Protein backbone atom coordinates (compact mmCIF):
# COMPACT_ATOMS: atom_id res chain seq x y z
CA MET A 1 -35.09 -36.91 -14.23
CA ARG A 2 -32.40 -38.07 -11.59
CA ASN A 3 -30.27 -39.25 -14.73
CA ARG A 4 -30.47 -35.76 -16.46
CA LEU A 5 -29.62 -33.85 -13.20
CA ASP A 6 -26.56 -36.18 -12.53
CA ARG A 7 -25.14 -35.28 -16.06
CA LEU A 8 -25.76 -31.75 -15.29
CA TYR A 9 -23.77 -32.11 -11.79
CA ILE A 10 -20.92 -33.96 -13.37
CA GLY A 11 -20.90 -31.53 -16.29
CA ALA A 12 -20.61 -28.47 -13.81
CA GLN A 13 -17.66 -30.24 -11.77
CA ILE A 14 -15.71 -31.18 -15.05
CA HIS A 15 -16.29 -27.47 -16.31
CA LYS A 16 -14.87 -26.07 -12.68
CA ARG A 17 -12.00 -28.08 -12.67
CA ASN A 18 -11.13 -27.27 -16.18
CA PHE A 19 -11.53 -23.58 -15.56
CA VAL A 20 -9.38 -23.92 -12.26
CA GLU A 21 -6.94 -25.86 -14.01
CA SER A 22 -6.63 -23.29 -16.99
CA PHE A 23 -6.58 -20.34 -14.24
CA LYS A 24 -3.51 -22.01 -12.57
CA GLN A 25 -1.46 -22.49 -15.59
CA ASP A 26 -2.27 -18.97 -17.11
CA GLU A 27 0.51 -16.57 -16.44
CA SER A 28 -0.31 -13.51 -18.55
CA GLY A 29 -1.21 -11.26 -15.78
CA VAL A 30 1.04 -12.46 -12.75
CA SER A 31 4.22 -10.25 -13.76
CA ASN A 32 1.89 -6.90 -13.80
CA PHE A 33 0.42 -7.94 -10.41
CA VAL A 34 3.75 -8.67 -8.91
CA ALA A 35 5.20 -5.31 -10.25
CA THR A 36 2.44 -3.30 -8.91
CA VAL A 37 2.63 -5.30 -5.55
CA LEU A 38 6.47 -4.38 -5.60
CA LEU A 39 5.90 -0.81 -6.21
CA ILE A 40 3.55 -0.46 -3.39
CA LEU A 41 6.16 -1.76 -1.04
CA MET A 42 8.72 0.26 -2.05
CA VAL A 43 6.80 2.94 -1.71
CA VAL A 44 5.72 1.96 1.72
CA LEU A 45 9.22 1.82 2.56
CA ILE A 46 10.88 4.35 1.21
CA GLY A 47 8.34 6.68 2.92
CA GLY A 48 8.88 5.07 6.31
CA ALA A 49 12.32 5.64 6.01
CA VAL A 50 11.90 9.36 4.90
CA TRP A 51 9.53 9.66 7.62
CA GLY A 52 12.32 7.98 10.26
CA PHE A 53 14.68 10.94 9.12
CA LEU A 54 12.53 13.95 9.05
CA SER A 55 10.49 13.31 12.34
CA GLY A 56 13.22 14.30 14.28
CA TYR A 57 13.99 17.40 12.46
CA PHE A 58 10.48 18.12 12.30
CA THR A 59 10.29 17.67 16.37
CA GLU A 60 13.20 19.84 16.61
CA LEU A 61 11.98 22.85 14.66
CA PHE A 62 8.34 22.39 15.98
CA GLU A 63 10.23 22.64 19.63
CA LYS A 64 12.34 25.57 18.66
CA ILE A 65 8.98 27.68 17.23
CA LYS A 66 7.32 26.55 20.59
CA SER A 67 10.32 28.14 22.74
CA GLY A 68 10.88 30.98 20.67
CA SER A 69 8.11 33.31 21.64
CA THR A 70 4.65 33.34 23.04
CA SER A 71 3.37 35.94 21.75
CA MET A 72 3.33 37.81 18.30
CA GLY A 73 5.55 40.79 17.53
CA THR A 74 8.04 39.88 20.50
CA GLY A 75 10.69 38.38 18.76
CA ASP A 76 14.10 39.58 17.57
CA ILE A 77 14.21 40.74 13.93
CA THR A 78 17.49 39.21 12.87
CA THR A 79 16.49 35.69 14.13
CA GLY A 80 12.60 35.44 13.96
CA PHE A 81 12.28 34.59 17.26
């Protein structure tokens, strides 16, 4: 019984080691994974850059809207404020 358990344990260890080695050397999906990570990184960086440029514009626009009028209908017709 003990001899059989030893053989099962050794067989499992060999199977695990072979699986790990074959997984390390398998490169079939690496390029797709790398491309996906790079695309996500590019989208995040471009989004951050655009937000950096536009946040000042949106803040300035919001301040103009806030300071323009405090009630509806009191603004100038030509400028809207």
